[in-house]
C-alpha atoms as a PDB file:
ATOM      1  CA  PRO A   1     -16.760 -13.916   7.240  1.00  0.00           C
ATOM      2  CA  GLY A   2     -14.000 -15.045   4.953  1.00  0.00           C
ATOM      3  CA  LEU A   3     -10.322 -14.247   5.105  1.00  0.00           C
ATOM      4  CA  GLN A   4      -9.651 -11.303   7.425  1.00  0.00           C
ATOM      5  CA  ILE A   5      -5.832 -11.142   7.529  1.00  0.00           C
ATOM      6  CA  LEU A   6      -3.358 -11.959   4.772  1.00  0.00           C
ATOM      7  CA  SER A   7       0.319 -11.891   5.704  1.00  0.00           C
ATOM      8  CA  LEU A   8       2.760 -12.332   2.848  1.00  0.00           C
ATOM      9  CA  SER A   9       5.762 -10.763   4.597  1.00  0.00           C
ATOM     10  CA  TYR A  10       9.307 -11.657   3.603  1.00  0.00           C
ATOM     11  CA  ASN A  11       8.313 -13.153   0.252  1.00  0.00           C
ATOM     12  CA  ASN A  12      10.211 -11.859  -2.765  1.00  0.00           C
ATOM     13  CA  PHE A  13       7.826 -10.017  -5.066  1.00  0.00           C
ATOM     14  CA  SER A  14      10.533  -7.926  -6.767  1.00  0.00           C
ATOM     15  CA  SER A  15       9.750  -9.469 -10.146  1.00  0.00           C
ATOM     16  CA  ALA A  16       6.163 -10.557  -9.467  1.00  0.00           C
ATOM     17  CA  THR A  17       4.206  -7.591 -10.788  1.00  0.00           C
ATOM     18  CA  ALA A  18       1.773  -9.909 -12.605  1.00  0.00           C
ATOM     19  CA  GLY A  19       1.179 -11.885  -9.412  1.00  0.00           C
ATOM     20  CA  LEU A  20       0.531  -8.705  -7.458  1.00  0.00           C
ATOM     21  CA  GLY A  21      -1.872  -7.667 -10.209  1.00  0.00           C
ATOM     22  CA  SER A  22      -3.762 -10.931  -9.726  1.00  0.00           C
ATOM     23  CA  LEU A  23      -3.846 -10.307  -5.976  1.00  0.00           C
ATOM     24  CA  ASN A  24      -5.218  -6.836  -6.742  1.00  0.00           C
ATOM     25  CA  ASP A  25      -7.952  -8.334  -8.945  1.00  0.00           C
ATOM     26  CA  TRP A  26      -8.918 -10.699  -6.137  1.00  0.00           C
ATOM     27  CA  LEU A  27      -8.966  -7.848  -3.615  1.00  0.00           C
ATOM     28  CA  GLN A  28     -11.366  -5.897  -5.805  1.00  0.00           C
ATOM     29  CA  SER A  29     -13.875  -8.734  -6.053  1.00  0.00           C
ATOM     30  CA  ASP A  30     -17.150  -8.338  -4.170  1.00  0.00           C
ATOM     31  CA  GLU A  31     -16.768 -11.403  -1.977  1.00  0.00           C
ATOM     32  CA  VAL A  32     -13.501 -10.231  -0.374  1.00  0.00           C
ATOM     33  CA  ASN A  33     -13.658  -8.650   3.059  1.00  0.00           C
ATOM     34  CA  LEU A  34      -9.957  -8.518   3.956  1.00  0.00           C
ATOM     35  CA  ASN A  35      -9.099  -6.258   6.879  1.00  0.00           C
ATOM     36  CA  GLU A  36      -5.317  -6.527   6.936  1.00  0.00           C
ATOM     37  CA  LEU A  37      -2.730  -6.961   4.196  1.00  0.00           C
ATOM     38  CA  ASP A  38       0.839  -7.388   5.400  1.00  0.00           C
ATOM     39  CA  VAL A  39       3.501  -7.267   2.699  1.00  0.00           C
ATOM     40  CA  GLN A  40       6.518  -6.246   4.781  1.00  0.00           C
ATOM     41  CA  TYR A  41       9.957  -6.719   3.244  1.00  0.00           C
ATOM     42  CA  CYS A  42       8.680  -8.259   0.017  1.00  0.00           C
ATOM     43  CA  GLY A  43      10.922  -6.364  -2.403  1.00  0.00           C
ATOM     44  CA  ILE A  44       7.909  -4.566  -3.850  1.00  0.00           C
ATOM     45  CA  ASN A  45       8.943  -1.885  -6.333  1.00  0.00           C
ATOM     46  CA  ASP A  46       6.995   0.903  -8.047  1.00  0.00           C
ATOM     47  CA  GLY A  47       5.465  -1.442 -10.631  1.00  0.00           C
ATOM     48  CA  GLY A  48       4.420  -3.896  -7.946  1.00  0.00           C
ATOM     49  CA  LEU A  49       2.848  -1.179  -5.846  1.00  0.00           C
ATOM     50  CA  HIS A  50       1.020   0.141  -8.891  1.00  0.00           C
ATOM     51  CA  ALA A  51      -0.328  -3.367  -9.551  1.00  0.00           C
ATOM     52  CA  LEU A  52      -1.457  -3.780  -5.931  1.00  0.00           C
ATOM     53  CA  GLU A  53      -2.541  -0.431  -4.539  1.00  0.00           C
ATOM     54  CA  GLY A  54      -6.061  -0.087  -5.982  1.00  0.00           C
ATOM     55  CA  GLY A  55      -7.509  -3.235  -4.458  1.00  0.00           C
ATOM     56  CA  ALA A  56      -5.577  -2.844  -1.229  1.00  0.00           C
ATOM     57  CA  ALA A  57      -6.871   0.689  -0.684  1.00  0.00           C
ATOM     58  CA  ILE A  58     -10.529  -0.202  -1.174  1.00  0.00           C
ATOM     59  CA  GLN A  59     -10.505  -3.485   0.772  1.00  0.00           C
ATOM     60  CA  CYS A  60      -7.970  -3.241   3.575  1.00  0.00           C
ATOM     61  CA  ARG A  61      -8.223  -1.366   6.827  1.00  0.00           C
ATOM     62  CA  ASP A  62      -4.548  -2.068   7.618  1.00  0.00           C
ATOM     63  CA  LEU A  63      -1.906  -1.914   4.881  1.00  0.00           C
ATOM     64  CA  ASP A  64       1.672  -2.661   5.898  1.00  0.00           C
ATOM     65  CA  LEU A  65       4.347  -1.949   3.264  1.00  0.00           C
ATOM     66  CA  GLU A  66       7.260  -1.728   5.712  1.00  0.00           C
ATOM     67  CA  GLY A  67      10.747  -2.352   4.376  1.00  0.00           C
ATOM     68  CA  ASN A  68       9.961  -2.277   0.658  1.00  0.00           C
ATOM     69  CA  GLU A  69      12.938  -0.044  -0.060  1.00  0.00           C
ATOM     70  CA  SER A  70      12.550  -0.151  -3.848  1.00  0.00           C
ATOM     71  CA  ILE A  71       9.394   1.958  -3.700  1.00  0.00           C
ATOM     72  CA  THR A  72      10.188   5.485  -4.896  1.00  0.00           C
ATOM     73  CA  THR A  73       8.248   8.704  -5.355  1.00  0.00           C
ATOM     74  CA  LEU A  74       6.598   7.188  -8.438  1.00  0.00           C
ATOM     75  CA  GLY A  75       5.212   4.249  -6.471  1.00  0.00           C
ATOM     76  CA  LEU A  76       4.068   6.509  -3.663  1.00  0.00           C
ATOM     77  CA  SER A  77       2.217   8.641  -6.225  1.00  0.00           C
ATOM     78  CA  TYR A  78       0.143   5.569  -7.172  1.00  0.00           C
ATOM     79  CA  LEU A  79      -0.599   4.941  -3.509  1.00  0.00           C
ATOM     80  CA  SER A  80      -1.395   8.616  -2.968  1.00  0.00           C
ATOM     81  CA  ASN A  81      -4.033   8.533  -5.704  1.00  0.00           C
ATOM     82  CA  SER A  82      -5.656   5.519  -4.065  1.00  0.00           C
ATOM     83  CA  ILE A  83      -5.734   6.943  -0.549  1.00  0.00           C
ATOM     84  CA  ARG A  84      -7.235  10.162  -1.913  1.00  0.00           C
ATOM     85  CA  SER A  85     -10.176   8.192  -3.336  1.00  0.00           C
ATOM     86  CA  ASN A  86     -13.547   8.288  -1.580  1.00  0.00           C
ATOM     87  CA  SER A  87     -13.598   4.474  -1.670  1.00  0.00           C
ATOM     88  CA  CYS A  88     -10.355   4.165   0.360  1.00  0.00           C
ATOM     89  CA  ARG A  89     -10.788   2.077   3.537  1.00  0.00           C
ATOM     90  CA  VAL A  90      -7.197   2.247   4.804  1.00  0.00           C
ATOM     91  CA  GLU A  91      -7.057   3.390   8.421  1.00  0.00           C
ATOM     92  CA  PHE A  92      -3.525   2.249   9.305  1.00  0.00           C
ATOM     93  CA  LEU A  93      -0.760   2.687   6.736  1.00  0.00           C
ATOM     94  CA  VAL A  94       2.791   1.571   7.478  1.00  0.00           C
ATOM     95  CA  LEU A  95       5.556   2.932   5.253  1.00  0.00           C
ATOM     96  CA  LYS A  96       8.476   2.377   7.654  1.00  0.00           C
ATOM     97  CA  GLY A  97      11.826   1.881   5.970  1.00  0.00           C
ATOM     98  CA  ILE A  98      10.723   3.238   2.592  1.00  0.00           C
ATOM     99  CA  PRO A  99      13.017   6.076   1.512  1.00  0.00           C
ATOM    100  CA  ILE A 100      10.878   9.211   1.542  1.00  0.00           C
ATOM    101  CA  GLY A 101      12.507  12.439   0.440  1.00  0.00           C
ATOM    102  CA  ASP A 102      10.967  15.849  -0.178  1.00  0.00           C
ATOM    103  CA  ASP A 103       9.272  14.904  -3.462  1.00  0.00           C
ATOM    104  CA  ALA A 104       7.796  11.715  -2.026  1.00  0.00           C
ATOM    105  CA  MET A 105       6.544  13.571   1.045  1.00  0.00           C
ATOM    106  CA  GLU A 106       4.823  16.107  -1.199  1.00  0.00           C
ATOM    107  CA  VAL A 107       3.152  13.299  -3.160  1.00  0.00           C
ATOM    108  CA  LEU A 108       1.954  11.632   0.056  1.00  0.00           C
ATOM    109  CA  ALA A 109       0.638  14.935   1.381  1.00  0.00           C
ATOM    110  CA  GLN A 110      -1.453  15.359  -1.761  1.00  0.00           C
ATOM    111  CA  GLY A 111      -3.093  12.015  -1.084  1.00  0.00           C
ATOM    112  CA  LEU A 112      -3.745  12.870   2.534  1.00  0.00           C
ATOM    113  CA  VAL A 113      -5.580  16.083   1.641  1.00  0.00           C
ATOM    114  CA  GLY A 114      -8.629  14.243   0.331  1.00  0.00           C
ATOM    115  CA  ASN A 115      -8.416  11.177   2.554  1.00  0.00           C
ATOM    116  CA  GLN A 116     -11.304  10.489   4.924  1.00  0.00           C
ATOM    117  CA  SER A 117     -10.316   7.112   6.378  1.00  0.00           C
ATOM    118  CA  LEU A 118      -6.656   7.207   7.481  1.00  0.00           C
ATOM    119  CA  ARG A 119      -6.132   7.317  11.258  1.00  0.00           C
ATOM    120  CA  SER A 120      -2.455   6.321  11.580  1.00  0.00           C
ATOM    121  CA  LEU A 121       0.503   6.778   9.258  1.00  0.00           C
ATOM    122  CA  TYR A 122       3.880   5.274  10.159  1.00  0.00           C
ATOM    123  CA  LEU A 123       6.924   6.731   8.394  1.00  0.00           C
ATOM    124  CA  ASP A 124       9.668   5.703  10.843  1.00  0.00           C
ATOM    125  CA  ASP A 125      13.154   5.100   9.424  1.00  0.00           C
ATOM    126  CA  GLY A 126      12.289   6.349   5.958  1.00  0.00           C
ATOM    127  CA  ILE A 127      12.302  10.126   5.859  1.00  0.00           C
ATOM    128  CA  THR A 128      15.505  11.348   4.252  1.00  0.00           C
END
């Protein structure tokens, strides 16, 4: 029951860290049972991902961050901490089009070590 899929793709959240923080607060509330959060090509940067990742990781089965090219190793470290958590529900994680170099790949790998939920990870067009 309730909202299952939330698609916010192609909105500009590049300077909306506070708004993403509010979305995160909503995601962490007990009455939310969101399965899919789609924030493709939203201009999300490290601060925005930090504001969003906690609630998204514990509530969403599918998390699509495709095309948010401003996310760097720092932002991926926030996400890595969340996917390492025992409360992480993410099964499908899409990071296509996010520049991922050696340092970022190492950070992601650290998160994957403790992850129990992830089934699919999409990194197409991002590994540099």
